[in-house]
Amino acid sequence: MTRLRILVALTVVWISAAVGAHYASQTRAQQPNVVEVDKVKDNLFVFKGGGGNTAVFVGTTGVVVVDTKNPGWGQPILAKIKELTNKPVTTIINTHTHGDHVSGNVEFPATVDIITQQNTKANMQEMRGATGIAPQGPPTNIFKENKGVGMPK
């Protein structure tokens, strides 16, 4: 009888933990993605939250975004950019392939020029589902060695 009570108690604890974990994950999933902005200069910002930091450079004709965070963060980034400027995003620079740096790409317009190194492009093609390479197409500006990147004027 004692073994049965222990088994029932452990089962109740396990079920309670599972239900609690499920509820906590559902609550987290429903929270909005909030982008925090640090102003570095009048035209340079760092967006925090959602994985890796995102740099945003506002030029005279357009906006350059460096890394686009985890899935679901593209729209919050775009919304925050609209609060800062009415200029369009013209360029994304993906520094490397980690999901918290490239997964927001899919939420940006298809007209945005994506710049990356050739190895990063190859790695992004391997992670199609996370990066959005399939729906948006591959990066449009690939380089092999160090390269200077022109900013919009």
N, C-alpha and C. Protein backbone atom coordinates (compact mmCIF):
# COMPACT_ATOMS: atom_id res chain seq x y z
N MET A 1 0.81 -1.19 0.00
CA MET A 1 0.00 0.00 0.00
C MET A 1 0.86 1.27 0.00
N THR A 2 1.97 1.24 0.70
CA THR A 2 2.84 2.40 0.77
C THR A 2 3.43 2.71 -0.61
N ARG A 3 3.82 1.67 -1.34
CA ARG A 3 4.35 1.89 -2.69
C ARG A 3 3.30 2.53 -3.59
N LEU A 4 2.07 2.11 -3.47
CA LEU A 4 1.00 2.68 -4.27
C LEU A 4 0.81 4.16 -3.96
N ARG A 5 0.84 4.53 -2.69
CA ARG A 5 0.71 5.94 -2.30
C ARG A 5 1.86 6.77 -2.85
N ILE A 6 3.07 6.22 -2.78
CA ILE A 6 4.23 6.94 -3.31
C ILE A 6 4.09 7.12 -4.82
N LEU A 7 3.68 6.07 -5.51
CA LEU A 7 3.50 6.14 -6.95
C LEU A 7 2.43 7.17 -7.32
N VAL A 8 1.30 7.16 -6.58
CA VAL A 8 0.23 8.14 -6.85
C VAL A 8 0.73 9.55 -6.57
N ALA A 9 1.44 9.75 -5.48
CA ALA A 9 1.96 11.07 -5.14
C ALA A 9 2.93 11.57 -6.21
N LEU A 10 3.84 10.71 -6.65
CA LEU A 10 4.79 11.10 -7.70
C LEU A 10 4.07 11.42 -9.01
N THR A 11 3.04 10.66 -9.32
CA THR A 11 2.27 10.91 -10.53
C THR A 11 1.58 12.27 -10.45
N VAL A 12 0.99 12.58 -9.30
CA VAL A 12 0.32 13.87 -9.12
C VAL A 12 1.33 15.00 -9.24
N VAL A 13 2.50 14.85 -8.63
CA VAL A 13 3.54 15.88 -8.71
C VAL A 13 3.98 16.07 -10.16
N TRP A 14 4.21 14.96 -10.89
CA TRP A 14 4.65 15.03 -12.28
C TRP A 14 3.60 15.73 -13.15
N ILE A 15 2.32 15.36 -12.98
CA ILE A 15 1.25 15.98 -13.76
C ILE A 15 1.15 17.47 -13.43
N SER A 16 1.25 17.82 -12.16
CA SER A 16 1.20 19.24 -11.77
C SER A 16 2.34 20.03 -12.39
N ALA A 17 3.53 19.46 -12.37
CA ALA A 17 4.68 20.13 -12.97
C ALA A 17 4.50 20.30 -14.47
N ALA A 18 3.99 19.28 -15.14
CA ALA A 18 3.77 19.35 -16.59
C ALA A 18 2.73 20.41 -16.94
N VAL A 19 1.64 20.44 -16.19
CA VAL A 19 0.58 21.43 -16.44
C VAL A 19 1.13 22.84 -16.17
N GLY A 20 1.87 22.99 -15.10
CA GLY A 20 2.46 24.30 -14.77
C GLY A 20 3.42 24.76 -15.85
N ALA A 21 4.26 23.87 -16.33
CA ALA A 21 5.22 24.22 -17.39
C ALA A 21 4.49 24.60 -18.66
N HIS A 22 3.43 23.86 -19.00
CA HIS A 22 2.66 24.17 -20.20
C HIS A 22 2.00 25.55 -20.06
N TYR A 23 1.40 25.82 -18.92
CA TYR A 23 0.75 27.11 -18.70
C TYR A 23 1.78 28.25 -18.78
N ALA A 24 2.95 28.05 -18.17
CA ALA A 24 3.99 29.09 -18.19
C ALA A 24 4.46 29.35 -19.62
N SER A 25 4.63 28.29 -20.41
CA SER A 25 5.09 28.49 -21.79
C SER A 25 4.01 29.19 -22.62
N GLN A 26 2.74 28.88 -22.38
CA GLN A 26 1.66 29.55 -23.10
C GLN A 26 1.61 31.03 -22.73
N THR A 27 1.83 31.34 -21.46
CA THR A 27 1.82 32.73 -21.01
C THR A 27 2.97 33.49 -21.66
N ARG A 28 4.15 32.88 -21.69
CA ARG A 28 5.30 33.54 -22.32
C ARG A 28 5.06 33.74 -23.81
N ALA A 29 4.46 32.78 -24.48
CA ALA A 29 4.23 32.86 -25.91
C ALA A 29 3.27 33.98 -26.27
N GLN A 30 2.37 34.33 -25.36
CA GLN A 30 1.37 35.34 -25.64
C GLN A 30 1.86 36.75 -25.33
N GLN A 31 3.00 36.89 -24.69
CA GLN A 31 3.52 38.21 -24.37
C GLN A 31 4.06 38.87 -25.64
N PRO A 32 3.83 40.17 -25.79
CA PRO A 32 4.33 40.85 -26.99
C PRO A 32 5.86 40.94 -26.98
N ASN A 33 6.42 40.97 -28.16
CA ASN A 33 7.87 41.16 -28.30
C ASN A 33 8.18 42.64 -28.18
N VAL A 34 8.82 43.02 -27.11
CA VAL A 34 9.10 44.42 -26.84
C VAL A 34 10.56 44.73 -27.18
N VAL A 35 10.76 45.69 -28.06
CA VAL A 35 12.09 46.11 -28.47
C VAL A 35 12.50 47.31 -27.62
N GLU A 36 13.62 47.19 -26.95
CA GLU A 36 14.18 48.30 -26.18
C GLU A 36 15.20 48.99 -27.06
N VAL A 37 15.21 50.33 -27.04
CA VAL A 37 16.09 51.10 -27.92
C VAL A 37 17.10 51.89 -27.10
N ASP A 38 18.37 51.73 -27.46
CA ASP A 38 19.44 52.57 -26.93
C ASP A 38 19.94 53.44 -28.07
N LYS A 39 19.90 54.75 -27.87
CA LYS A 39 20.39 55.68 -28.88
C LYS A 39 21.90 55.84 -28.69
N VAL A 40 22.66 55.53 -29.73
CA VAL A 40 24.11 55.67 -29.70
C VAL A 40 24.50 57.04 -30.23
N LYS A 41 23.91 57.44 -31.35
CA LYS A 41 24.08 58.75 -31.98
C LYS A 41 22.72 59.14 -32.56
N ASP A 42 22.63 60.30 -33.17
CA ASP A 42 21.37 60.75 -33.73
C ASP A 42 20.81 59.78 -34.77
N ASN A 43 21.68 59.06 -35.47
CA ASN A 43 21.22 58.17 -36.53
C ASN A 43 21.64 56.71 -36.32
N LEU A 44 22.08 56.36 -35.11
CA LEU A 44 22.54 55.01 -34.82
C LEU A 44 21.92 54.52 -33.51
N PHE A 45 21.28 53.34 -33.59
CA PHE A 45 20.55 52.80 -32.45
C PHE A 45 20.88 51.33 -32.25
N VAL A 46 20.75 50.86 -31.01
CA VAL A 46 20.86 49.44 -30.70
C VAL A 46 19.50 49.01 -30.17
N PHE A 47 18.94 47.96 -30.80
CA PHE A 47 17.66 47.40 -30.37
C PHE A 47 17.96 46.14 -29.57
N LYS A 48 17.42 46.08 -28.36
CA LYS A 48 17.65 44.94 -27.47
C LYS A 48 16.35 44.16 -27.29
N GLY A 49 16.52 42.90 -26.90
CA GLY A 49 15.38 42.00 -26.73
C GLY A 49 15.31 41.04 -27.90
N GLY A 50 14.81 39.84 -27.66
CA GLY A 50 14.59 38.90 -28.76
C GLY A 50 15.83 38.21 -29.28
N GLY A 51 16.82 38.04 -28.43
CA GLY A 51 18.04 37.37 -28.89
C GLY A 51 19.15 38.38 -29.06
N GLY A 52 19.93 38.20 -30.11
CA GLY A 52 21.06 39.10 -30.35
C GLY A 52 20.62 40.54 -30.52
N ASN A 53 21.52 41.45 -30.22
CA ASN A 53 21.22 42.87 -30.41
C ASN A 53 21.13 43.18 -31.90
N THR A 54 20.38 44.21 -32.22
CA THR A 54 20.21 44.67 -33.60
C THR A 54 20.70 46.11 -33.67
N ALA A 55 21.57 46.38 -34.65
CA ALA A 55 22.01 47.75 -34.89
C ALA A 55 21.14 48.33 -35.99
N VAL A 56 20.77 49.59 -35.84
CA VAL A 56 19.94 50.27 -36.84
C VAL A 56 20.61 51.61 -37.17
N PHE A 57 21.00 51.76 -38.44
CA PHE A 57 21.63 52.98 -38.92
C PHE A 57 20.67 53.67 -39.86
N VAL A 58 20.31 54.93 -39.55
CA VAL A 58 19.39 55.69 -40.37
C VAL A 58 20.21 56.64 -41.25
N GLY A 59 20.22 56.36 -42.56
CA GLY A 59 20.90 57.22 -43.52
C GLY A 59 19.93 58.24 -44.08
N THR A 60 20.39 59.04 -45.02
CA THR A 60 19.51 60.06 -45.58
C THR A 60 18.44 59.48 -46.51
N THR A 61 18.72 58.29 -47.12
CA THR A 61 17.75 57.70 -48.04
C THR A 61 17.17 56.38 -47.57
N GLY A 62 17.70 55.81 -46.50
CA GLY A 62 17.19 54.53 -46.06
C GLY A 62 17.83 54.05 -44.77
N VAL A 63 17.39 52.89 -44.32
CA VAL A 63 17.81 52.33 -43.04
C VAL A 63 18.55 51.01 -43.27
N VAL A 64 19.67 50.85 -42.57
CA VAL A 64 20.42 49.60 -42.58
C VAL A 64 20.20 48.93 -41.23
N VAL A 65 19.84 47.64 -41.27
CA VAL A 65 19.60 46.86 -40.07
C VAL A 65 20.66 45.76 -40.01
N VAL A 66 21.36 45.67 -38.88
CA VAL A 66 22.35 44.63 -38.69
C VAL A 66 21.77 43.59 -37.74
N ASP A 67 21.43 42.42 -38.28
CA ASP A 67 20.85 41.27 -37.58
C ASP A 67 19.39 41.54 -37.19
N THR A 68 18.58 40.49 -37.34
CA THR A 68 17.13 40.67 -37.21
C THR A 68 16.47 39.82 -36.12
N LYS A 69 17.26 39.28 -35.22
CA LYS A 69 16.77 38.59 -34.03
C LYS A 69 16.10 37.24 -34.30
N ASN A 70 15.39 36.76 -33.30
CA ASN A 70 14.70 35.46 -33.34
C ASN A 70 13.42 35.54 -34.17
N PRO A 71 12.81 34.38 -34.47
CA PRO A 71 11.53 34.40 -35.18
C PRO A 71 10.50 35.24 -34.45
N GLY A 72 9.72 35.98 -35.21
CA GLY A 72 8.67 36.80 -34.63
C GLY A 72 9.11 38.20 -34.23
N TRP A 73 10.37 38.54 -34.42
CA TRP A 73 10.86 39.85 -34.02
C TRP A 73 11.00 40.82 -35.19
N GLY A 74 10.81 40.35 -36.42
CA GLY A 74 10.93 41.25 -37.57
C GLY A 74 9.93 42.39 -37.53
N GLN A 75 8.66 42.07 -37.28
CA GLN A 75 7.64 43.13 -37.23
C GLN A 75 7.85 44.11 -36.08
N PRO A 76 8.19 43.65 -34.86
CA PRO A 76 8.48 44.63 -33.80
C PRO A 76 9.67 45.53 -34.14
N ILE A 77 10.68 44.98 -34.83
CA ILE A 77 11.82 45.81 -35.26
C ILE A 77 11.34 46.85 -36.25
N LEU A 78 10.57 46.42 -37.26
CA LEU A 78 10.06 47.36 -38.26
C LEU A 78 9.18 48.43 -37.62
N ALA A 79 8.35 48.05 -36.66
CA ALA A 79 7.48 49.02 -35.98
C ALA A 79 8.31 50.04 -35.21
N LYS A 80 9.35 49.58 -34.55
CA LYS A 80 10.20 50.50 -33.78
C LYS A 80 10.95 51.44 -34.73
N ILE A 81 11.40 50.92 -35.88
CA ILE A 81 12.07 51.77 -36.87
C ILE A 81 11.12 52.86 -37.35
N LYS A 82 9.84 52.52 -37.56
CA LYS A 82 8.85 53.51 -38.00
C LYS A 82 8.65 54.61 -36.97
N GLU A 83 8.90 54.30 -35.69
CA GLU A 83 8.81 55.32 -34.65
C GLU A 83 9.99 56.29 -34.74
N LEU A 84 11.11 55.82 -35.29
CA LEU A 84 12.32 56.63 -35.37
C LEU A 84 12.43 57.43 -36.66
N THR A 85 11.91 56.87 -37.77
CA THR A 85 12.07 57.51 -39.08
C THR A 85 10.99 57.01 -40.03
N ASN A 86 10.71 57.81 -41.06
CA ASN A 86 9.79 57.36 -42.10
C ASN A 86 10.53 56.78 -43.30
N LYS A 87 11.85 56.65 -43.20
CA LYS A 87 12.66 56.11 -44.29
C LYS A 87 12.52 54.59 -44.34
N PRO A 88 12.60 54.02 -45.55
CA PRO A 88 12.44 52.57 -45.68
C PRO A 88 13.69 51.81 -45.27
N VAL A 89 13.51 50.58 -44.84
CA VAL A 89 14.66 49.70 -44.61
C VAL A 89 15.13 49.26 -45.99
N THR A 90 16.39 49.52 -46.29
CA THR A 90 16.94 49.18 -47.61
C THR A 90 17.90 48.00 -47.55
N THR A 91 18.51 47.77 -46.37
CA THR A 91 19.56 46.77 -46.27
C THR A 91 19.51 46.06 -44.94
N ILE A 92 19.72 44.73 -44.99
CA ILE A 92 19.97 43.92 -43.80
C ILE A 92 21.38 43.37 -43.94
N ILE A 93 22.16 43.47 -42.89
CA ILE A 93 23.46 42.82 -42.84
C ILE A 93 23.35 41.72 -41.79
N ASN A 94 23.53 40.47 -42.22
CA ASN A 94 23.53 39.35 -41.28
C ASN A 94 24.98 39.00 -40.96
N THR A 95 25.35 39.15 -39.69
CA THR A 95 26.74 38.94 -39.28
C THR A 95 27.13 37.49 -39.25
N HIS A 96 26.20 36.62 -38.89
CA HIS A 96 26.45 35.18 -38.87
C HIS A 96 25.12 34.45 -38.80
N THR A 97 25.17 33.12 -38.78
CA THR A 97 23.98 32.31 -39.02
C THR A 97 23.14 31.99 -37.81
N HIS A 98 23.54 32.32 -36.62
CA HIS A 98 22.72 31.96 -35.46
C HIS A 98 21.30 32.49 -35.62
N GLY A 99 20.34 31.66 -35.19
CA GLY A 99 18.93 32.00 -35.35
C GLY A 99 18.54 33.33 -34.74
N ASP A 100 19.20 33.73 -33.64
CA ASP A 100 18.85 35.00 -33.00
C ASP A 100 19.45 36.20 -33.73
N HIS A 101 20.06 35.97 -34.90
CA HIS A 101 20.61 37.05 -35.71
C HIS A 101 19.98 37.12 -37.10
N VAL A 102 19.36 36.03 -37.58
CA VAL A 102 18.84 36.01 -38.94
C VAL A 102 17.37 35.63 -39.07
N SER A 103 16.75 35.17 -38.00
CA SER A 103 15.40 34.61 -38.12
C SER A 103 14.31 35.64 -38.36
N GLY A 104 14.55 36.90 -38.05
CA GLY A 104 13.56 37.95 -38.32
C GLY A 104 13.55 38.40 -39.77
N ASN A 105 14.51 37.93 -40.59
CA ASN A 105 14.59 38.34 -41.99
C ASN A 105 13.28 38.17 -42.74
N VAL A 106 12.56 37.08 -42.46
CA VAL A 106 11.36 36.75 -43.23
C VAL A 106 10.27 37.80 -43.11
N GLU A 107 10.33 38.63 -42.09
CA GLU A 107 9.28 39.63 -41.88
C GLU A 107 9.59 40.97 -42.53
N PHE A 108 10.75 41.07 -43.16
CA PHE A 108 11.13 42.30 -43.86
C PHE A 108 10.68 42.22 -45.31
N PRO A 109 10.44 43.35 -45.96
CA PRO A 109 10.01 43.32 -47.36
C PRO A 109 11.05 42.60 -48.24
N ALA A 110 10.57 41.95 -49.29
CA ALA A 110 11.45 41.21 -50.20
C ALA A 110 12.38 42.15 -50.97
N THR A 111 12.10 43.44 -50.96
CA THR A 111 12.94 44.41 -51.67
C THR A 111 14.21 44.77 -50.92
N VAL A 112 14.30 44.34 -49.67
CA VAL A 112 15.47 44.68 -48.84
C VAL A 112 16.68 43.87 -49.32
N ASP A 113 17.80 44.56 -49.51
CA ASP A 113 19.06 43.93 -49.91
C ASP A 113 19.67 43.25 -48.68
N ILE A 114 19.97 41.96 -48.78
CA ILE A 114 20.55 41.22 -47.66
C ILE A 114 22.02 40.97 -47.96
N ILE A 115 22.88 41.43 -47.06
CA ILE A 115 24.32 41.30 -47.23
C ILE A 115 24.85 40.31 -46.21
N THR A 116 25.70 39.40 -46.68
CA THR A 116 26.32 38.43 -45.78
C THR A 116 27.58 37.86 -46.42
N GLN A 117 28.36 37.17 -45.64
CA GLN A 117 29.55 36.49 -46.12
C GLN A 117 29.12 35.16 -46.74
N GLN A 118 29.90 34.64 -47.70
CA GLN A 118 29.47 33.45 -48.44
C GLN A 118 29.25 32.23 -47.55
N ASN A 119 30.05 32.04 -46.51
CA ASN A 119 29.83 30.91 -45.61
C ASN A 119 28.53 31.07 -44.83
N THR A 120 28.21 32.29 -44.46
CA THR A 120 26.96 32.55 -43.76
C THR A 120 25.78 32.25 -44.67
N LYS A 121 25.89 32.64 -45.94
CA LYS A 121 24.82 32.33 -46.91
C LYS A 121 24.60 30.81 -46.97
N ALA A 122 25.69 30.05 -47.09
CA ALA A 122 25.57 28.59 -47.16
C ALA A 122 24.92 28.03 -45.91
N ASN A 123 25.33 28.54 -44.75
CA ASN A 123 24.74 28.08 -43.49
C ASN A 123 23.27 28.47 -43.39
N MET A 124 22.91 29.65 -43.88
CA MET A 124 21.52 30.09 -43.84
C MET A 124 20.65 29.19 -44.71
N GLN A 125 21.19 28.74 -45.83
CA GLN A 125 20.43 27.84 -46.70
C GLN A 125 20.18 26.49 -46.02
N GLU A 126 21.08 26.11 -45.13
CA GLU A 126 20.91 24.87 -44.37
C GLU A 126 19.77 25.00 -43.35
N MET A 127 19.52 26.22 -42.84
CA MET A 127 18.49 26.43 -41.82
C MET A 127 17.24 27.09 -42.40
N ARG A 128 16.86 26.76 -43.59
CA ARG A 128 15.74 27.40 -44.30
C ARG A 128 14.55 27.76 -43.43
N GLY A 129 14.07 26.86 -42.62
CA GLY A 129 12.87 27.13 -41.83
C GLY A 129 13.04 28.26 -40.84
N ALA A 130 14.22 28.38 -40.25
CA ALA A 130 14.44 29.41 -39.22
C ALA A 130 14.74 30.76 -39.83
N THR A 131 15.41 30.80 -40.98
CA THR A 131 15.87 32.07 -41.52
C THR A 131 14.93 32.70 -42.51
N GLY A 132 14.10 31.90 -43.14
CA GLY A 132 13.22 32.45 -44.16
C GLY A 132 13.89 32.57 -45.50
N ILE A 133 15.00 31.94 -45.71
CA ILE A 133 15.68 32.03 -47.00
C ILE A 133 14.76 31.57 -48.12
N ALA A 134 14.01 30.52 -47.91
CA ALA A 134 13.14 30.01 -48.98
C ALA A 134 12.12 31.05 -49.42
N PRO A 135 11.32 31.66 -48.51
CA PRO A 135 10.32 32.61 -48.99
C PRO A 135 10.91 33.94 -49.45
N GLN A 136 12.03 34.34 -48.91
CA GLN A 136 12.55 35.66 -49.24
C GLN A 136 13.67 35.60 -50.27
N GLY A 137 14.21 34.45 -50.52
CA GLY A 137 15.32 34.34 -51.43
C GLY A 137 16.63 34.47 -50.68
N PRO A 138 17.70 34.06 -51.30
CA PRO A 138 19.00 34.10 -50.63
C PRO A 138 19.51 35.53 -50.48
N PRO A 139 20.52 35.71 -49.64
CA PRO A 139 21.14 37.04 -49.56
C PRO A 139 21.52 37.51 -50.96
N THR A 140 21.40 38.80 -51.18
CA THR A 140 21.60 39.35 -52.52
C THR A 140 22.99 39.92 -52.73
N ASN A 141 23.73 40.11 -51.68
CA ASN A 141 25.05 40.70 -51.79
C ASN A 141 26.02 39.85 -50.98
N ILE A 142 26.75 38.98 -51.64
CA ILE A 142 27.62 38.00 -50.99
C ILE A 142 29.07 38.42 -51.17
N PHE A 143 29.89 38.20 -50.14
CA PHE A 143 31.32 38.47 -50.29
C PHE A 143 32.13 37.36 -49.67
N LYS A 144 33.38 37.19 -50.18
CA LYS A 144 34.27 36.13 -49.71
C LYS A 144 35.22 36.64 -48.63
N GLU A 145 35.77 37.80 -48.82
CA GLU A 145 36.76 38.37 -47.91
C GLU A 145 36.15 39.58 -47.21
N ASN A 146 36.95 40.23 -46.37
CA ASN A 146 36.48 41.46 -45.72
C ASN A 146 36.05 42.44 -46.79
N LYS A 147 35.01 43.16 -46.53
CA LYS A 147 34.46 44.08 -47.51
C LYS A 147 33.84 45.27 -46.79
N GLY A 148 34.06 46.44 -47.30
CA GLY A 148 33.38 47.60 -46.79
C GLY A 148 31.96 47.61 -47.31
N VAL A 149 31.04 48.08 -46.52
CA VAL A 149 29.64 48.10 -46.92
C VAL A 149 29.22 49.56 -47.04
N GLY A 150 28.71 49.91 -48.21
CA GLY A 150 28.23 51.28 -48.40
C GLY A 150 26.91 51.49 -47.68
N MET A 151 26.80 52.56 -46.95
CA MET A 151 25.57 52.90 -46.26
C MET A 151 24.73 53.80 -47.16
N PRO A 152 23.41 53.76 -47.02
CA PRO A 152 22.58 54.65 -47.83
C PRO A 152 22.87 56.10 -47.49
N LYS A 153 22.78 56.92 -48.50
CA LYS A 153 23.06 58.35 -48.28
C LYS A 153 21.85 59.07 -47.80
